[in-house]
Amino acid sequence: MATRNITQYGKDPVLQKICRSQLTFDDRLATILDDMAETMYAADGVGLAAPQIGILRRYCVIDIGEGIVELINPVIALKEGEQTGQEGCLSVPGVYKEVTRPMRVKVRAQNRNGENIVVEGEGLMARALCHEIDHLDGVVFLDRAEK
C-alpha cells in the first residue's frame, strides 16, 4: 500500500469533472482502494473519492469509525429527512461550512469483487456517503454550502 497525493481544490480541475463508471474489478482496482484507505487514514479523514487522488472513476472509501466501506459505481437510491452541520474536505484543508444533507440514505453499489451491495447510512454516515458520491459527480461540498 502507498499514500497518494490528495488533489487540492482550485489547483486541478479533476475535482469538477464527472467520473466514469468502473468496469473492471481486478488487482489494480484493489491496490488503488487499499492506497485510498491508507491515504484517508494518514490524512485523518472519514472519506476519500477517486478524483481526490486524480482518478476519474466512480469509487470511494469511507470510514466513520465503524470500519472501511468501499463503494464502486455507487448510486443513491433513497434519501430521507434532513440534517445541517459542519462539513470539511481533505481537498479543501482547513475550511468548514454548513451543509444540508439527508438524514438517511440507501446506496446501491458494487464491492471490489464486482458484487452488488447495499449500504444504508444515518447521520454522519449519510453525510459521508453523500459527500463522497458528490465528488464522483464533480461536486465539492463548497457548492452545497449554506451561503
C-alpha atoms as a PDB file:
ATOM      1  CA  MET A   1       0.000   0.000   0.000  1.00  0.00           C
ATOM      2  CA  ALA A   2       1.025   3.581  -0.577  1.00  0.00           C
ATOM      3  CA  THR A   3      -0.118   7.014   0.425  1.00  0.00           C
ATOM      4  CA  ARG A   4      -1.265   9.042  -2.589  1.00  0.00           C
ATOM      5  CA  ASN A   5      -1.258  12.814  -3.055  1.00  0.00           C
ATOM      6  CA  ILE A   6      -4.613  14.444  -2.402  1.00  0.00           C
ATOM      7  CA  THR A   7      -5.742  16.850  -5.114  1.00  0.00           C
ATOM      8  CA  GLN A   8      -6.348  20.345  -3.771  1.00  0.00           C
ATOM      9  CA  TYR A   9      -9.452  22.319  -4.747  1.00  0.00           C
ATOM     10  CA  GLY A  10      -8.687  25.157  -7.140  1.00  0.00           C
ATOM     11  CA  LYS A  11      -5.388  23.659  -8.280  1.00  0.00           C
ATOM     12  CA  ASP A  12      -6.656  20.870 -10.532  1.00  0.00           C
ATOM     13  CA  PRO A  13      -9.943  20.743 -12.496  1.00  0.00           C
ATOM     14  CA  VAL A  14     -10.258  16.969 -11.855  1.00  0.00           C
ATOM     15  CA  LEU A  15     -12.426  17.725  -8.809  1.00  0.00           C
ATOM     16  CA  GLN A  16     -15.041  19.383 -11.025  1.00  0.00           C
ATOM     17  CA  LYS A  17     -15.371  16.591 -13.576  1.00  0.00           C
ATOM     18  CA  ILE A  18     -17.878  13.755 -13.722  1.00  0.00           C
ATOM     19  CA  CYS A  19     -16.277  10.351 -13.220  1.00  0.00           C
ATOM     20  CA  ARG A  20     -16.725   7.359 -15.490  1.00  0.00           C
ATOM     21  CA  SER A  21     -18.049   4.013 -14.301  1.00  0.00           C
ATOM     22  CA  GLN A  22     -15.575   1.388 -13.159  1.00  0.00           C
ATOM     23  CA  LEU A  23     -15.946  -1.642 -15.428  1.00  0.00           C
ATOM     24  CA  THR A  24     -13.049  -3.876 -14.381  1.00  0.00           C
ATOM     25  CA  PHE A  25     -12.623  -5.442 -10.965  1.00  0.00           C
ATOM     26  CA  ASP A  26      -9.016  -6.561 -10.797  1.00  0.00           C
ATOM     27  CA  ASP A  27      -5.812  -6.355  -8.763  1.00  0.00           C
ATOM     28  CA  ARG A  28      -5.193  -2.786  -9.961  1.00  0.00           C
ATOM     29  CA  LEU A  29      -8.534  -1.642  -8.523  1.00  0.00           C
ATOM     30  CA  ALA A  30      -7.829  -3.486  -5.255  1.00  0.00           C
ATOM     31  CA  THR A  31      -4.436  -1.767  -4.972  1.00  0.00           C
ATOM     32  CA  ILE A  32      -5.955   1.664  -5.589  1.00  0.00           C
ATOM     33  CA  LEU A  33      -8.691   1.041  -2.991  1.00  0.00           C
ATOM     34  CA  ASP A  34      -6.046  -0.042  -0.462  1.00  0.00           C
ATOM     35  CA  ASP A  35      -3.981   3.070  -1.257  1.00  0.00           C
ATOM     36  CA  MET A  36      -7.062   5.266  -0.902  1.00  0.00           C
ATOM     37  CA  ALA A  37      -7.814   3.847   2.546  1.00  0.00           C
ATOM     38  CA  GLU A  38      -4.215   4.377   3.649  1.00  0.00           C
ATOM     39  CA  THR A  39      -4.261   7.930   2.279  1.00  0.00           C
ATOM     40  CA  MET A  40      -7.562   8.714   4.019  1.00  0.00           C
ATOM     41  CA  TYR A  41      -6.314   7.400   7.367  1.00  0.00           C
ATOM     42  CA  ALA A  42      -2.984   9.230   7.040  1.00  0.00           C
ATOM     43  CA  ALA A  43      -4.861  12.499   6.418  1.00  0.00           C
ATOM     44  CA  ASP A  44      -7.238  11.828   9.350  1.00  0.00           C
ATOM     45  CA  GLY A  45     -10.289  11.848   7.071  1.00  0.00           C
ATOM     46  CA  VAL A  46     -13.533   9.897   7.049  1.00  0.00           C
ATOM     47  CA  GLY A  47     -13.833   9.529   3.285  1.00  0.00           C
ATOM     48  CA  LEU A  48     -11.913   9.786   0.044  1.00  0.00           C
ATOM     49  CA  ALA A  49     -13.143   9.610  -3.551  1.00  0.00           C
ATOM     50  CA  ALA A  50     -11.093   8.586  -6.585  1.00  0.00           C
ATOM     51  CA  PRO A  51     -10.968  12.082  -8.149  1.00  0.00           C
ATOM     52  CA  GLN A  52      -9.324  13.322  -4.952  1.00  0.00           C
ATOM     53  CA  ILE A  53      -6.274  11.293  -5.964  1.00  0.00           C
ATOM     54  CA  GLY A  54      -6.584  12.255  -9.629  1.00  0.00           C
ATOM     55  CA  ILE A  55      -8.562   9.252 -10.901  1.00  0.00           C
ATOM     56  CA  LEU A  56     -11.788   9.960 -12.804  1.00  0.00           C
ATOM     57  CA  ARG A  57     -13.558   6.721 -11.850  1.00  0.00           C
ATOM     58  CA  ARG A  58     -16.656   6.134  -9.728  1.00  0.00           C
ATOM     59  CA  TYR A  59     -15.348   4.731  -6.473  1.00  0.00           C
ATOM     60  CA  CYS A  60     -14.711   5.895  -2.939  1.00  0.00           C
ATOM     61  CA  VAL A  61     -13.807   4.712   0.549  1.00  0.00           C
ATOM     62  CA  ILE A  62     -15.429   5.742   3.837  1.00  0.00           C
ATOM     63  CA  ASP A  63     -14.733   5.010   7.497  1.00  0.00           C
ATOM     64  CA  ILE A  64     -16.614   6.947  10.165  1.00  0.00           C
ATOM     65  CA  GLY A  65     -15.044   4.783  12.873  1.00  0.00           C
ATOM     66  CA  GLU A  66     -17.007   1.608  12.168  1.00  0.00           C
ATOM     67  CA  GLY A  67     -14.664   0.012   9.610  1.00  0.00           C
ATOM     68  CA  ILE A  68     -13.859   0.652   5.981  1.00  0.00           C
ATOM     69  CA  VAL A  69     -16.637   0.795   3.395  1.00  0.00           C
ATOM     70  CA  GLU A  70     -15.653   0.591  -0.268  1.00  0.00           C
ATOM     71  CA  LEU A  71     -18.145   1.669  -2.915  1.00  0.00           C
ATOM     72  CA  ILE A  72     -17.698   1.170  -6.639  1.00  0.00           C
ATOM     73  CA  ASN A  73     -20.229   2.781  -9.017  1.00  0.00           C
ATOM     74  CA  PRO A  74     -22.416   3.995  -6.116  1.00  0.00           C
ATOM     75  CA  VAL A  75     -25.910   5.394  -6.692  1.00  0.00           C
ATOM     76  CA  ILE A  76     -28.079   6.954  -4.008  1.00  0.00           C
ATOM     77  CA  ALA A  77     -31.340   5.019  -4.171  1.00  0.00           C
ATOM     78  CA  LEU A  78     -33.168   6.638  -1.238  1.00  0.00           C
ATOM     79  CA  LYS A  79     -32.912   9.901   0.723  1.00  0.00           C
ATOM     80  CA  GLU A  80     -34.932  10.649   3.850  1.00  0.00           C
ATOM     81  CA  GLY A  81     -35.043  13.510   6.309  1.00  0.00           C
ATOM     82  CA  GLU A  82     -32.654  16.403   6.618  1.00  0.00           C
ATOM     83  CA  GLN A  83     -29.644  17.420   8.687  1.00  0.00           C
ATOM     84  CA  THR A  84     -27.498  20.537   8.631  1.00  0.00           C
ATOM     85  CA  GLY A  85     -23.979  20.571  10.032  1.00  0.00           C
ATOM     86  CA  GLN A  86     -20.333  21.446   9.604  1.00  0.00           C
ATOM     87  CA  GLU A  87     -18.567  19.719   6.764  1.00  0.00           C
ATOM     88  CA  GLY A  88     -14.977  19.746   5.579  1.00  0.00           C
ATOM     89  CA  CYS A  89     -12.965  18.021   2.874  1.00  0.00           C
ATOM     90  CA  LEU A  90      -9.450  16.668   2.522  1.00  0.00           C
ATOM     91  CA  SER A  91      -9.219  18.543  -0.803  1.00  0.00           C
ATOM     92  CA  VAL A  92     -10.132  21.840   0.907  1.00  0.00           C
ATOM     93  CA  PRO A  93      -7.966  21.719   4.044  1.00  0.00           C
ATOM     94  CA  GLY A  94      -8.900  23.937   6.971  1.00  0.00           C
ATOM     95  CA  VAL A  95     -12.255  25.053   5.525  1.00  0.00           C
ATOM     96  CA  TYR A  96     -15.534  24.078   7.199  1.00  0.00           C
ATOM     97  CA  LYS A  97     -19.017  25.153   6.098  1.00  0.00           C
ATOM     98  CA  GLU A  98     -22.622  24.406   6.996  1.00  0.00           C
ATOM     99  CA  VAL A  99     -24.124  21.907   4.547  1.00  0.00           C
ATOM    100  CA  THR A 100     -27.624  20.414   4.493  1.00  0.00           C
ATOM    101  CA  ARG A 101     -27.766  16.710   3.645  1.00  0.00           C
ATOM    102  CA  PRO A 102     -30.306  13.886   4.014  1.00  0.00           C
ATOM    103  CA  MET A 103     -30.515  12.310   7.478  1.00  0.00           C
ATOM    104  CA  ARG A 104     -30.746   8.793   5.988  1.00  0.00           C
ATOM    105  CA  VAL A 105     -29.643   7.343   2.664  1.00  0.00           C
ATOM    106  CA  LYS A 106     -29.561   3.992   0.939  1.00  0.00           C
ATOM    107  CA  VAL A 107     -26.815   3.439  -1.640  1.00  0.00           C
ATOM    108  CA  ARG A 108     -26.569   0.705  -4.239  1.00  0.00           C
ATOM    109  CA  ALA A 109     -23.017  -0.068  -5.366  1.00  0.00           C
ATOM    110  CA  GLN A 110     -20.525  -2.820  -6.063  1.00  0.00           C
ATOM    111  CA  ASN A 111     -17.703  -4.074  -3.896  1.00  0.00           C
ATOM    112  CA  ARG A 112     -14.103  -4.630  -5.012  1.00  0.00           C
ATOM    113  CA  ASN A 113     -15.117  -8.027  -6.461  1.00  0.00           C
ATOM    114  CA  GLY A 114     -17.914  -6.558  -8.586  1.00  0.00           C
ATOM    115  CA  GLU A 115     -20.672  -7.959  -6.364  1.00  0.00           C
ATOM    116  CA  ASN A 116     -23.777  -5.831  -5.845  1.00  0.00           C
ATOM    117  CA  ILE A 117     -24.125  -4.368  -2.347  1.00  0.00           C
ATOM    118  CA  VAL A 118     -26.467  -2.030  -0.496  1.00  0.00           C
ATOM    119  CA  VAL A 119     -25.174   0.358   2.169  1.00  0.00           C
ATOM    120  CA  GLU A 120     -27.509   2.308   4.421  1.00  0.00           C
ATOM    121  CA  GLY A 121     -26.368   5.235   6.490  1.00  0.00           C
ATOM    122  CA  GLU A 122     -27.796   7.651   9.004  1.00  0.00           C
ATOM    123  CA  GLY A 123     -26.354  10.856  10.467  1.00  0.00           C
ATOM    124  CA  LEU A 124     -22.608  11.100   9.865  1.00  0.00           C
ATOM    125  CA  MET A 125     -22.593   8.051   7.570  1.00  0.00           C
ATOM    126  CA  ALA A 126     -25.362   9.558   5.415  1.00  0.00           C
ATOM    127  CA  ARG A 127     -23.375  12.809   5.242  1.00  0.00           C
ATOM    128  CA  ALA A 128     -20.174  10.969   4.275  1.00  0.00           C
ATOM    129  CA  LEU A 129     -21.940   8.885   1.615  1.00  0.00           C
ATOM    130  CA  CYS A 130     -23.479  11.983   0.010  1.00  0.00           C
ATOM    131  CA  HIS A 131     -20.207  13.946   0.234  1.00  0.00           C
ATOM    132  CA  GLU A 132     -18.111  11.243  -1.441  1.00  0.00           C
ATOM    133  CA  ILE A 133     -20.704  10.445  -4.123  1.00  0.00           C
ATOM    134  CA  ASP A 134     -20.900  14.185  -4.879  1.00  0.00           C
ATOM    135  CA  HIS A 135     -17.165  14.065  -5.659  1.00  0.00           C
ATOM    136  CA  LEU A 136     -17.888  11.437  -8.331  1.00  0.00           C
ATOM    137  CA  ASP A 137     -20.255  13.926  -9.999  1.00  0.00           C
ATOM    138  CA  GLY A 138     -17.773  16.808  -9.911  1.00  0.00           C
ATOM    139  CA  VAL A 139     -19.430  18.475  -6.908  1.00  0.00           C
ATOM    140  CA  VAL A 140     -17.394  19.778  -3.950  1.00  0.00           C
ATOM    141  CA  PHE A 141     -19.054  20.489  -0.594  1.00  0.00           C
ATOM    142  CA  LEU A 142     -18.469  24.231  -1.134  1.00  0.00           C
ATOM    143  CA  ASP A 143     -21.004  24.008  -3.991  1.00  0.00           C
ATOM    144  CA  ARG A 144     -23.646  22.881  -1.456  1.00  0.00           C
ATOM    145  CA  ALA A 145     -22.593  25.072   1.477  1.00  0.00           C
ATOM    146  CA  GLU A 146     -25.040  27.485   3.066  1.00  0.00           C
ATOM    147  CA  LYS A 147     -24.458  30.950   1.660  1.00  0.00           C
END
